[in-house]
Each structure stands twice: as structure tokens, then as C-alpha cells.
Amino acid sequence: MPLKISLFAWRLLRDRLPTTDNLIKRHFLHPNAQLCVGGCGMIEDAKHLFLSCDFFGKLWYGISNRLGYNIVFLENVSDHLYQFGTFSGFSNSKHSALNLIWLSCV
């Protein structure tokens, strides 16, 4: 896996990406500029942007449907990675492939 993808995933799982809420916390943006870039009108944070956004979150429904599984959206991104990578019935080698699919999608 390329280093930049590993670093991106590391930053995502530790909530260190420059999402609007993180930029407001660090005083780079004005608190009024907190809406999602997807245009859904919700406050942008990592969980919303990558899992529950009406614009970007649809990706997970398509992928889980293609794999034949239903995903329950959990409270944080790391739980989503764990759930996605450990679909029941798959061997350990397929778990690695599912983790790679997850990383590619984020």
C-alpha cells in the first residue's frame, strides 16, 4: 500500500484530517463556515463526511450491496473499518482484501 494512503488512513482514524470542524477547532475557519462540502447542509466532521453524508456516504451502500452484505453505520470511523473488514464468512485473506477495499474507498 502506498505511504500516502497509509498516512491518510492514520489521520482519518485519529480525526486529524482538515475537516471543517477540525479547522474551526484550530481557529483556521470562522465558526459560521461549518457546513459539509457535499452540500447536504450538515456539520462536517470525519464521521459525517466519510460515513453518513448524503453525497459521499452513498458509496458504502453501493459497495456493501455489491458484496451482498448490509452495513450498520456505527458511531465512528474505526468501528466502521473493523465492521467492514470482518464480514462474517470470509477467510483471513479476504479480510485483508476487504480492508484494502475500505482504504481505497476512503
PDB file of N, CA and C in Angstrom:
ATOM      1  N   MET A   1       0.847  -1.167   0.000  1.00  0.00           N
ATOM      2  CA  MET A   1       0.000   0.000   0.000  1.00  0.00           C
ATOM      3  C   MET A   1       0.901   1.242   0.000  1.00  0.00           C
ATOM      4  N   PRO A   2       0.579   2.218  -0.817  1.00  0.00           N
ATOM      5  CA  PRO A   2       1.396   3.439  -0.854  1.00  0.00           C
ATOM      6  C   PRO A   2       1.387   4.174   0.490  1.00  0.00           C
ATOM      7  N   LEU A   3       2.489   4.808   0.783  1.00  0.00           N
ATOM      8  CA  LEU A   3       2.656   5.519   2.046  1.00  0.00           C
ATOM      9  C   LEU A   3       1.601   6.601   2.240  1.00  0.00           C
ATOM     10  N   LYS A   4       1.264   7.335   1.173  1.00  0.00           N
ATOM     11  CA  LYS A   4       0.302   8.421   1.335  1.00  0.00           C
ATOM     12  C   LYS A   4      -1.086   7.898   1.712  1.00  0.00           C
ATOM     13  N   ILE A   5      -1.448   6.688   1.268  1.00  0.00           N
ATOM     14  CA  ILE A   5      -2.731   6.112   1.667  1.00  0.00           C
ATOM     15  C   ILE A   5      -2.675   5.687   3.126  1.00  0.00           C
ATOM     16  N   SER A   6      -1.568   5.107   3.543  1.00  0.00           N
ATOM     17  CA  SER A   6      -1.408   4.729   4.956  1.00  0.00           C
ATOM     18  C   SER A   6      -1.484   5.946   5.869  1.00  0.00           C
ATOM     19  N   LEU A   7      -0.828   7.030   5.467  1.00  0.00           N
ATOM     20  CA  LEU A   7      -0.857   8.249   6.279  1.00  0.00           C
ATOM     21  C   LEU A   7      -2.251   8.864   6.317  1.00  0.00           C
ATOM     22  N   PHE A   8      -2.936   8.839   5.179  1.00  0.00           N
ATOM     23  CA  PHE A   8      -4.295   9.361   5.140  1.00  0.00           C
ATOM     24  C   PHE A   8      -5.204   8.558   6.069  1.00  0.00           C
ATOM     25  N   ALA A   9      -5.110   7.236   6.007  1.00  0.00           N
ATOM     26  CA  ALA A   9      -5.931   6.383   6.873  1.00  0.00           C
ATOM     27  C   ALA A   9      -5.588   6.615   8.344  1.00  0.00           C
ATOM     28  N   TRP A  10      -4.313   6.752   8.637  1.00  0.00           N
ATOM     29  CA  TRP A  10      -3.888   7.012  10.019  1.00  0.00           C
ATOM     30  C   TRP A  10      -4.500   8.322  10.521  1.00  0.00           C
ATOM     31  N   ARG A  11      -4.440   9.361   9.688  1.00  0.00           N
ATOM     32  CA  ARG A  11      -5.013  10.662  10.066  1.00  0.00           C
ATOM     33  C   ARG A  11      -6.532  10.585  10.192  1.00  0.00           C
ATOM     34  N   LEU A  12      -7.175   9.833   9.316  1.00  0.00           N
ATOM     35  CA  LEU A  12      -8.623   9.680   9.380  1.00  0.00           C
ATOM     36  C   LEU A  12      -9.046   8.971  10.659  1.00  0.00           C
ATOM     37  N   LEU A  13      -8.386   7.889  10.991  1.00  0.00           N
ATOM     38  CA  LEU A  13      -8.748   7.112  12.177  1.00  0.00           C
ATOM     39  C   LEU A  13      -8.462   7.856  13.478  1.00  0.00           C
ATOM     40  N   ARG A  14      -7.586   8.849  13.433  1.00  0.00           N
ATOM     41  CA  ARG A  14      -7.276   9.644  14.624  1.00  0.00           C
ATOM     42  C   ARG A  14      -7.902  11.034  14.582  1.00  0.00           C
ATOM     43  N   ASP A  15      -8.806  11.239  13.638  1.00  0.00           N
ATOM     44  CA  ASP A  15      -9.533  12.504  13.463  1.00  0.00           C
ATOM     45  C   ASP A  15      -8.568  13.677  13.316  1.00  0.00           C
ATOM     46  N   ARG A  16      -7.591  13.518  12.454  1.00  0.00           N
ATOM     47  CA  ARG A  16      -6.583  14.552  12.208  1.00  0.00           C
ATOM     48  C   ARG A  16      -6.649  15.123  10.791  1.00  0.00           C
ATOM     49  N   LEU A  17      -7.725  14.834  10.072  1.00  0.00           N
ATOM     50  CA  LEU A  17      -7.889  15.398   8.730  1.00  0.00           C
ATOM     51  C   LEU A  17      -8.394  16.826   8.821  1.00  0.00           C
ATOM     52  N   PRO A  18      -8.110  17.643   7.823  1.00  0.00           N
ATOM     53  CA  PRO A  18      -8.564  19.041   7.862  1.00  0.00           C
ATOM     54  C   PRO A  18     -10.044  19.184   7.483  1.00  0.00           C
ATOM     55  N   THR A  19     -10.911  18.508   8.246  1.00  0.00           N
ATOM     56  CA  THR A  19     -12.339  18.696   8.050  1.00  0.00           C
ATOM     57  C   THR A  19     -12.730  20.056   8.626  1.00  0.00           C
ATOM     58  N   THR A  20     -13.898  20.513   8.268  1.00  0.00           N
ATOM     59  CA  THR A  20     -14.327  21.838   8.705  1.00  0.00           C
ATOM     60  C   THR A  20     -14.333  21.961  10.221  1.00  0.00           C
ATOM     61  N   ASP A  21     -14.836  20.938  10.912  1.00  0.00           N
ATOM     62  CA  ASP A  21     -14.877  21.031  12.379  1.00  0.00           C
ATOM     63  C   ASP A  21     -13.484  21.107  12.986  1.00  0.00           C
ATOM     64  N   ASN A  22     -12.504  20.367  12.424  1.00  0.00           N
ATOM     65  CA  ASN A  22     -11.131  20.449  12.935  1.00  0.00           C
ATOM     66  C   ASN A  22     -10.493  21.801  12.628  1.00  0.00           C
ATOM     67  N   LEU A  23     -10.789  22.359  11.470  1.00  0.00           N
ATOM     68  CA  LEU A  23     -10.238  23.678  11.136  1.00  0.00           C
ATOM     69  C   LEU A  23     -10.847  24.772  12.019  1.00  0.00           C
ATOM     70  N   ILE A  24     -12.099  24.620  12.400  1.00  0.00           N
ATOM     71  CA  ILE A  24     -12.725  25.582  13.319  1.00  0.00           C
ATOM     72  C   ILE A  24     -12.108  25.449  14.706  1.00  0.00           C
ATOM     73  N   LYS A  25     -11.882  24.214  15.163  1.00  0.00           N
ATOM     74  CA  LYS A  25     -11.258  23.995  16.475  1.00  0.00           C
ATOM     75  C   LYS A  25      -9.867  24.610  16.550  1.00  0.00           C
ATOM     76  N   ARG A  26      -9.159  24.623  15.429  1.00  0.00           N
ATOM     77  CA  ARG A  26      -7.801  25.163  15.391  1.00  0.00           C
ATOM     78  C   ARG A  26      -7.766  26.629  14.958  1.00  0.00           C
ATOM     79  N   HIS A  27      -8.938  27.236  14.859  1.00  0.00           N
ATOM     80  CA  HIS A  27      -9.109  28.662  14.545  1.00  0.00           C
ATOM     81  C   HIS A  27      -8.592  29.047  13.159  1.00  0.00           C
ATOM     82  N   PHE A  28      -8.720  28.115  12.193  1.00  0.00           N
ATOM     83  CA  PHE A  28      -8.389  28.437  10.809  1.00  0.00           C
ATOM     84  C   PHE A  28      -9.606  28.919  10.033  1.00  0.00           C
ATOM     85  N   LEU A  29     -10.781  28.524  10.488  1.00  0.00           N
ATOM     86  CA  LEU A  29     -12.032  28.933   9.853  1.00  0.00           C
ATOM     87  C   LEU A  29     -12.935  29.600  10.875  1.00  0.00           C
ATOM     88  N   HIS A  30     -13.824  30.428  10.392  1.00  0.00           N
ATOM     89  CA  HIS A  30     -14.822  31.070  11.245  1.00  0.00           C
ATOM     90  C   HIS A  30     -15.882  30.020  11.602  1.00  0.00           C
ATOM     91  N   PRO A  31     -16.417  30.052  12.821  1.00  0.00           N
ATOM     92  CA  PRO A  31     -17.420  29.062  13.242  1.00  0.00           C
ATOM     93  C   PRO A  31     -18.671  29.015  12.362  1.00  0.00           C
ATOM     94  N   ASN A  32     -18.946  30.060  11.599  1.00  0.00           N
ATOM     95  CA  ASN A  32     -20.114  30.034  10.725  1.00  0.00           C
ATOM     96  C   ASN A  32     -19.893  29.164   9.493  1.00  0.00           C
ATOM     97  N   ALA A  33     -18.662  28.803   9.195  1.00  0.00           N
ATOM     98  CA  ALA A  33     -18.339  28.027   7.992  1.00  0.00           C
ATOM     99  C   ALA A  33     -18.205  26.549   8.317  1.00  0.00           C
ATOM    100  N   GLN A  34     -19.224  25.949   8.909  1.00  0.00           N
ATOM    101  CA  GLN A  34     -19.093  24.572   9.360  1.00  0.00           C
ATOM    102  C   GLN A  34     -19.910  23.563   8.563  1.00  0.00           C
ATOM    103  N   LEU A  35     -20.502  23.971   7.459  1.00  0.00           N
ATOM    104  CA  LEU A  35     -21.343  23.062   6.699  1.00  0.00           C
ATOM    105  C   LEU A  35     -20.519  22.162   5.784  1.00  0.00           C
ATOM    106  N   CYS A  36     -21.052  21.005   5.504  1.00  0.00           N
ATOM    107  CA  CYS A  36     -20.399  19.979   4.699  1.00  0.00           C
ATOM    108  C   CYS A  36     -20.176  20.451   3.266  1.00  0.00           C
ATOM    109  N   VAL A  37     -19.030  20.062   2.704  1.00  0.00           N
ATOM    110  CA  VAL A  37     -18.707  20.420   1.323  1.00  0.00           C
ATOM    111  C   VAL A  37     -19.564  19.657   0.322  1.00  0.00           C
ATOM    112  N   GLY A  38     -20.246  18.622   0.759  1.00  0.00           N
ATOM    113  CA  GLY A  38     -21.122  17.855  -0.119  1.00  0.00           C
ATOM    114  C   GLY A  38     -22.444  18.546  -0.399  1.00  0.00           C
ATOM    115  N   GLY A  39     -22.696  19.638   0.297  1.00  0.00           N
ATOM    116  CA  GLY A  39     -23.912  20.396   0.073  1.00  0.00           C
ATOM    117  C   GLY A  39     -25.151  19.830   0.739  1.00  0.00           C
ATOM    118  N   CYS A  40     -24.977  18.970   1.732  1.00  0.00           N
ATOM    119  CA  CYS A  40     -26.131  18.357   2.383  1.00  0.00           C
ATOM    120  C   CYS A  40     -26.679  19.210   3.529  1.00  0.00           C
ATOM    121  N   GLY A  41     -25.928  20.237   3.942  1.00  0.00           N
ATOM    122  CA  GLY A  41     -26.401  21.134   4.983  1.00  0.00           C
ATOM    123  C   GLY A  41     -26.072  20.714   6.403  1.00  0.00           C
ATOM    124  N   MET A  42     -25.352  19.628   6.587  1.00  0.00           N
ATOM    125  CA  MET A  42     -24.987  19.145   7.925  1.00  0.00           C
ATOM    126  C   MET A  42     -23.598  19.669   8.298  1.00  0.00           C
ATOM    127  N   ILE A  43     -23.278  19.576   9.583  1.00  0.00           N
ATOM    128  CA  ILE A  43     -21.959  19.971  10.058  1.00  0.00           C
ATOM    129  C   ILE A  43     -20.943  18.910   9.616  1.00  0.00           C
ATOM    130  N   GLU A  44     -19.825  19.379   9.068  1.00  0.00           N
ATOM    131  CA  GLU A  44     -18.828  18.464   8.520  1.00  0.00           C
ATOM    132  C   GLU A  44     -17.821  18.039   9.571  1.00  0.00           C
ATOM    133  N   ASP A  45     -17.789  16.750   9.828  1.00  0.00           N
ATOM    134  CA  ASP A  45     -16.716  16.125  10.599  1.00  0.00           C
ATOM    135  C   ASP A  45     -16.366  14.826   9.887  1.00  0.00           C
ATOM    136  N   ALA A  46     -15.368  14.114  10.357  1.00  0.00           N
ATOM    137  CA  ALA A  46     -14.896  12.920   9.651  1.00  0.00           C
ATOM    138  C   ALA A  46     -15.983  11.857   9.558  1.00  0.00           C
ATOM    139  N   LYS A  47     -16.696  11.620  10.645  1.00  0.00           N
ATOM    140  CA  LYS A  47     -17.759  10.609  10.627  1.00  0.00           C
ATOM    141  C   LYS A  47     -18.813  10.971   9.598  1.00  0.00           C
ATOM    142  N   HIS A  48     -19.256  12.218   9.624  1.00  0.00           N
ATOM    143  CA  HIS A  48     -20.282  12.625   8.671  1.00  0.00           C
ATOM    144  C   HIS A  48     -19.769  12.540   7.242  1.00  0.00           C
ATOM    145  N   LEU A  49     -18.595  13.071   6.995  1.00  0.00           N
ATOM    146  CA  LEU A  49     -18.070  13.156   5.639  1.00  0.00           C
ATOM    147  C   LEU A  49     -17.847  11.785   5.014  1.00  0.00           C
ATOM    148  N   PHE A  50     -17.311  10.845   5.777  1.00  0.00           N
ATOM    149  CA  PHE A  50     -16.961   9.551   5.212  1.00  0.00           C
ATOM    150  C   PHE A  50     -18.022   8.477   5.386  1.00  0.00           C
ATOM    151  N   LEU A  51     -18.999   8.683   6.267  1.00  0.00           N
ATOM    152  CA  LEU A  51     -19.979   7.630   6.507  1.00  0.00           C
ATOM    153  C   LEU A  51     -21.424   8.031   6.256  1.00  0.00           C
ATOM    154  N   SER A  52     -21.836   9.186   6.718  1.00  0.00           N
ATOM    155  CA  SER A  52     -23.268   9.469   6.714  1.00  0.00           C
ATOM    156  C   SER A  52     -23.711  10.612   5.819  1.00  0.00           C
ATOM    157  N   CYS A  53     -22.817  11.224   5.096  1.00  0.00           N
ATOM    158  CA  CYS A  53     -23.180  12.317   4.196  1.00  0.00           C
ATOM    159  C   CYS A  53     -24.060  11.787   3.063  1.00  0.00           C
ATOM    160  N   ASP A  54     -25.106  12.532   2.728  1.00  0.00           N
ATOM    161  CA  ASP A  54     -25.994  12.113   1.644  1.00  0.00           C
ATOM    162  C   ASP A  54     -25.253  12.019   0.313  1.00  0.00           C
ATOM    163  N   PHE A  55     -24.235  12.826   0.139  1.00  0.00           N
ATOM    164  CA  PHE A  55     -23.498  12.855  -1.126  1.00  0.00           C
ATOM    165  C   PHE A  55     -22.391  11.794  -1.163  1.00  0.00           C
ATOM    166  N   PHE A  56     -21.541  11.759  -0.140  1.00  0.00           N
ATOM    167  CA  PHE A  56     -20.388  10.856  -0.133  1.00  0.00           C
ATOM    168  C   PHE A  56     -20.691   9.495   0.488  1.00  0.00           C
ATOM    169  N   GLY A  57     -21.611   9.430   1.445  1.00  0.00           N
ATOM    170  CA  GLY A  57     -21.900   8.190   2.164  1.00  0.00           C
ATOM    171  C   GLY A  57     -22.576   7.127   1.328  1.00  0.00           C
ATOM    172  N   LYS A  58     -23.153   7.486   0.184  1.00  0.00           N
ATOM    173  CA  LYS A  58     -23.824   6.512  -0.669  1.00  0.00           C
ATOM    174  C   LYS A  58     -22.868   5.458  -1.208  1.00  0.00           C
ATOM    175  N   LEU A  59     -21.604   5.770  -1.226  1.00  0.00           N
ATOM    176  CA  LEU A  59     -20.598   4.829  -1.704  1.00  0.00           C
ATOM    177  C   LEU A  59     -20.648   3.524  -0.913  1.00  0.00           C
ATOM    178  N   TRP A  60     -20.797   3.614   0.414  1.00  0.00           N
ATOM    179  CA  TRP A  60     -20.786   2.418   1.263  1.00  0.00           C
ATOM    180  C   TRP A  60     -21.989   1.534   0.996  1.00  0.00           C
ATOM    181  N   TYR A  61     -23.130   2.128   0.699  1.00  0.00           N
ATOM    182  CA  TYR A  61     -24.301   1.319   0.373  1.00  0.00           C
ATOM    183  C   TYR A  61     -24.075   0.536  -0.916  1.00  0.00           C
ATOM    184  N   GLY A  62     -23.477   1.190  -1.906  1.00  0.00           N
ATOM    185  CA  GLY A  62     -23.196   0.510  -3.167  1.00  0.00           C
ATOM    186  C   GLY A  62     -22.203  -0.623  -3.009  1.00  0.00           C
ATOM    187  N   ILE A  63     -21.165  -0.383  -2.222  1.00  0.00           N
ATOM    188  CA  ILE A  63     -20.142  -1.415  -2.025  1.00  0.00           C
ATOM    189  C   ILE A  63     -20.698  -2.596  -1.237  1.00  0.00           C
ATOM    190  N   SER A  64     -21.395  -2.314  -0.149  1.00  0.00           N
ATOM    191  CA  SER A  64     -21.948  -3.412   0.652  1.00  0.00           C
ATOM    192  C   SER A  64     -22.998  -4.182  -0.129  1.00  0.00           C
ATOM    193  N   ASN A  65     -23.785  -3.490  -0.952  1.00  0.00           N
ATOM    194  CA  ASN A  65     -24.768  -4.163  -1.789  1.00  0.00           C
ATOM    195  C   ASN A  65     -24.070  -5.064  -2.801  1.00  0.00           C
ATOM    196  N   ARG A  66     -22.993  -4.571  -3.389  1.00  0.00           N
ATOM    197  CA  ARG A  66     -22.223  -5.354  -4.369  1.00  0.00           C
ATOM    198  C   ARG A  66     -21.621  -6.601  -3.728  1.00  0.00           C
ATOM    199  N   LEU A  67     -21.188  -6.482  -2.459  1.00  0.00           N
ATOM    200  CA  LEU A  67     -20.616  -7.628  -1.747  1.00  0.00           C
ATOM    201  C   LEU A  67     -21.695  -8.540  -1.171  1.00  0.00           C
ATOM    202  N   GLY A  68     -22.946  -8.072  -1.158  1.00  0.00           N
ATOM    203  CA  GLY A  68     -24.046  -8.883  -0.643  1.00  0.00           C
ATOM    204  C   GLY A  68     -24.241  -8.795   0.856  1.00  0.00           C
ATOM    205  N   TYR A  69     -23.798  -7.709   1.475  1.00  0.00           N
ATOM    206  CA  TYR A  69     -23.929  -7.524   2.914  1.00  0.00           C
ATOM    207  C   TYR A  69     -24.591  -6.189   3.220  1.00  0.00           C
ATOM    208  N   ASN A  70     -25.244  -6.138   4.370  1.00  0.00           N
ATOM    209  CA  ASN A  70     -25.801  -4.876   4.860  1.00  0.00           C
ATOM    210  C   ASN A  70     -24.874  -4.321   5.916  1.00  0.00           C
ATOM    211  N   ILE A  71     -24.628  -3.021   5.838  1.00  0.00           N
ATOM    212  CA  ILE A  71     -23.756  -2.357   6.805  1.00  0.00           C
ATOM    213  C   ILE A  71     -24.608  -1.522   7.741  1.00  0.00           C
ATOM    214  N   VAL A  72     -24.316  -1.633   9.033  1.00  0.00           N
ATOM    215  CA  VAL A  72     -24.911  -0.758  10.032  1.00  0.00           C
ATOM    216  C   VAL A  72     -23.887   0.326  10.311  1.00  0.00           C
ATOM    217  N   PHE A  73     -24.272   1.590  10.120  1.00  0.00           N
ATOM    218  CA  PHE A  73     -23.316   2.669  10.316  1.00  0.00           C
ATOM    219  C   PHE A  73     -23.142   2.931  11.798  1.00  0.00           C
ATOM    220  N   LEU A  74     -21.921   2.774  12.242  1.00  0.00           N
ATOM    221  CA  LEU A  74     -21.586   2.876  13.659  1.00  0.00           C
ATOM    222  C   LEU A  74     -21.202   4.309  14.009  1.00  0.00           C
ATOM    223  N   GLU A  75     -20.810   4.505  15.245  1.00  0.00           N
ATOM    224  CA  GLU A  75     -20.556   5.844  15.763  1.00  0.00           C
ATOM    225  C   GLU A  75     -19.252   6.470  15.304  1.00  0.00           C
ATOM    226  N   ASN A  76     -18.292   5.666  14.906  1.00  0.00           N
ATOM    227  CA  ASN A  76     -17.031   6.278  14.477  1.00  0.00           C
ATOM    228  C   ASN A  76     -16.402   5.505  13.322  1.00  0.00           C
ATOM    229  N   VAL A  77     -15.419   6.103  12.716  1.00  0.00           N
ATOM    230  CA  VAL A  77     -14.802   5.573  11.503  1.00  0.00           C
ATOM    231  C   VAL A  77     -14.025   4.290  11.789  1.00  0.00           C
ATOM    232  N   SER A  78     -13.348   4.201  12.925  1.00  0.00           N
ATOM    233  CA  SER A  78     -12.574   2.991  13.221  1.00  0.00           C
ATOM    234  C   SER A  78     -13.482   1.783  13.404  1.00  0.00           C
ATOM    235  N   ASP A  79     -14.659   1.962  14.010  1.00  0.00           N
ATOM    236  CA  ASP A  79     -15.615   0.855  14.127  1.00  0.00           C
ATOM    237  C   ASP A  79     -16.130   0.442  12.751  1.00  0.00           C
ATOM    238  N   HIS A  80     -16.306   1.408  11.869  1.00  0.00           N
ATOM    239  CA  HIS A  80     -16.752   1.102  10.509  1.00  0.00           C
ATOM    240  C   HIS A  80     -15.703   0.273   9.772  1.00  0.00           C
ATOM    241  N   LEU A  81     -14.436   0.632   9.908  1.00  0.00           N
ATOM    242  CA  LEU A  81     -13.359  -0.146   9.295  1.00  0.00           C
ATOM    243  C   LEU A  81     -13.360  -1.565   9.840  1.00  0.00           C
ATOM    244  N   TYR A  82     -13.496  -1.713  11.152  1.00  0.00           N
ATOM    245  CA  TYR A  82     -13.499  -3.048  11.757  1.00  0.00           C
ATOM    246  C   TYR A  82     -14.673  -3.861  11.240  1.00  0.00           C
ATOM    247  N   GLN A  83     -15.847  -3.249  11.207  1.00  0.00           N
ATOM    248  CA  GLN A  83     -17.037  -3.961  10.736  1.00  0.00           C
ATOM    249  C   GLN A  83     -16.889  -4.351   9.265  1.00  0.00           C
ATOM    250  N   PHE A  84     -16.409  -3.436   8.456  1.00  0.00           N
ATOM    251  CA  PHE A  84     -16.268  -3.690   7.025  1.00  0.00           C
ATOM    252  C   PHE A  84     -15.233  -4.780   6.763  1.00  0.00           C
ATOM    253  N   GLY A  85     -14.166  -4.780   7.513  1.00  0.00           N
ATOM    254  CA  GLY A  85     -13.090  -5.746   7.288  1.00  0.00           C
ATOM    255  C   GLY A  85     -13.334  -7.108   7.870  1.00  0.00           C
ATOM    256  N   THR A  86     -14.363  -7.261   8.683  1.00  0.00           N
ATOM    257  CA  THR A  86     -14.606  -8.551   9.335  1.00  0.00           C
ATOM    258  C   THR A  86     -15.985  -9.105   9.024  1.00  0.00           C
ATOM    259  N   PHE A  87     -16.461  -8.907   7.788  1.00  0.00           N
ATOM    260  CA  PHE A  87     -17.722  -9.535   7.407  1.00  0.00           C
ATOM    261  C   PHE A  87     -17.628 -11.022   7.699  1.00  0.00           C
ATOM    262  N   SER A  88     -18.675 -11.572   8.277  1.00  0.00           N
ATOM    263  CA  SER A  88     -18.640 -12.989   8.638  1.00  0.00           C
ATOM    264  C   SER A  88     -18.627 -13.864   7.389  1.00  0.00           C
ATOM    265  N   GLY A  89     -17.978 -14.995   7.515  1.00  0.00           N
ATOM    266  CA  GLY A  89     -17.933 -15.956   6.428  1.00  0.00           C
ATOM    267  C   GLY A  89     -16.731 -15.826   5.512  1.00  0.00           C
ATOM    268  N   PHE A  90     -15.904 -14.809   5.714  1.00  0.00           N
ATOM    269  CA  PHE A  90     -14.733 -14.636   4.859  1.00  0.00           C
ATOM    270  C   PHE A  90     -13.495 -15.165   5.557  1.00  0.00           C
ATOM    271  N   SER A  91     -12.563 -15.663   4.766  1.00  0.00           N
ATOM    272  CA  SER A  91     -11.295 -16.137   5.309  1.00  0.00           C
ATOM    273  C   SER A  91     -10.406 -14.936   5.657  1.00  0.00           C
ATOM    274  N   ASN A  92      -9.277 -15.222   6.303  1.00  0.00           N
ATOM    275  CA  ASN A  92      -8.360 -14.147   6.693  1.00  0.00           C
ATOM    276  C   ASN A  92      -7.799 -13.413   5.479  1.00  0.00           C
ATOM    277  N   SER A  93      -7.550 -14.118   4.391  1.00  0.00           N
ATOM    278  CA  SER A  93      -7.036 -13.445   3.208  1.00  0.00           C
ATOM    279  C   SER A  93      -8.077 -12.495   2.618  1.00  0.00           C
ATOM    280  N   LYS A  94      -9.342 -12.843   2.719  1.00  0.00           N
ATOM    281  CA  LYS A  94     -10.399 -11.952   2.223  1.00  0.00           C
ATOM    282  C   LYS A  94     -10.579 -10.758   3.159  1.00  0.00           C
ATOM    283  N   HIS A  95     -10.281 -10.931   4.447  1.00  0.00           N
ATOM    284  CA  HIS A  95     -10.343  -9.797   5.376  1.00  0.00           C
ATOM    285  C   HIS A  95      -9.337  -8.734   4.951  1.00  0.00           C
ATOM    286  N   SER A  96      -8.148  -9.151   4.542  1.00  0.00           N
ATOM    287  CA  SER A  96      -7.142  -8.201   4.071  1.00  0.00           C
ATOM    288  C   SER A  96      -7.612  -7.494   2.808  1.00  0.00           C
ATOM    289  N   ALA A  97      -8.255  -8.241   1.930  1.00  0.00           N
ATOM    290  CA  ALA A  97      -8.780  -7.638   0.700  1.00  0.00           C
ATOM    291  C   ALA A  97      -9.885  -6.634   1.024  1.00  0.00           C
ATOM    292  N   LEU A  98     -10.734  -6.945   1.996  1.00  0.00           N
ATOM    293  CA  LEU A  98     -11.797  -6.016   2.383  1.00  0.00           C
ATOM    294  C   LEU A  98     -11.222  -4.751   3.014  1.00  0.00           C
ATOM    295  N   ASN A  99     -10.170  -4.899   3.810  1.00  0.00           N
ATOM    296  CA  ASN A  99      -9.514  -3.712   4.371  1.00  0.00           C
ATOM    297  C   ASN A  99      -8.916  -2.853   3.267  1.00  0.00           C
ATOM    298  N   LEU A 100      -8.363  -3.481   2.251  1.00  0.00           N
ATOM    299  CA  LEU A 100      -7.806  -2.735   1.124  1.00  0.00           C
ATOM    300  C   LEU A 100      -8.922  -2.013   0.349  1.00  0.00           C
ATOM    301  N   ILE A 101     -10.072  -2.668   0.178  1.00  0.00           N
ATOM    302  CA  ILE A 101     -11.226  -2.020  -0.465  1.00  0.00           C
ATOM    303  C   ILE A 101     -11.653  -0.800   0.345  1.00  0.00           C
ATOM    304  N   TRP A 102     -11.711  -0.950   1.666  1.00  0.00           N
ATOM    305  CA  TRP A 102     -12.116   0.168   2.529  1.00  0.00           C
ATOM    306  C   TRP A 102     -11.153   1.330   2.389  1.00  0.00           C
ATOM    307  N   LEU A 103      -9.856   1.035   2.433  1.00  0.00           N
ATOM    308  CA  LEU A 103      -8.856   2.091   2.291  1.00  0.00           C
ATOM    309  C   LEU A 103      -8.943   2.771   0.936  1.00  0.00           C
ATOM    310  N   SER A 104      -9.197   2.007  -0.101  1.00  0.00           N
ATOM    311  CA  SER A 104      -9.330   2.586  -1.436  1.00  0.00           C
ATOM    312  C   SER A 104     -10.527   3.505  -1.528  1.00  0.00           C
ATOM    313  N   CYS A 105     -11.594   3.161  -0.832  1.00  0.00           N
ATOM    314  CA  CYS A 105     -12.813   3.982  -0.894  1.00  0.00           C
ATOM    315  C   CYS A 105     -12.697   5.271  -0.108  1.00  0.00           C
ATOM    316  N   VAL A 106     -12.003   5.244   1.013  1.00  0.00           N
ATOM    317  CA  VAL A 106     -11.846   6.496   1.751  1.00  0.00           C
ATOM    318  C   VAL A 106     -10.809   7.367   1.080  1.00  0.00           C
TER     319      VAL A 106
END
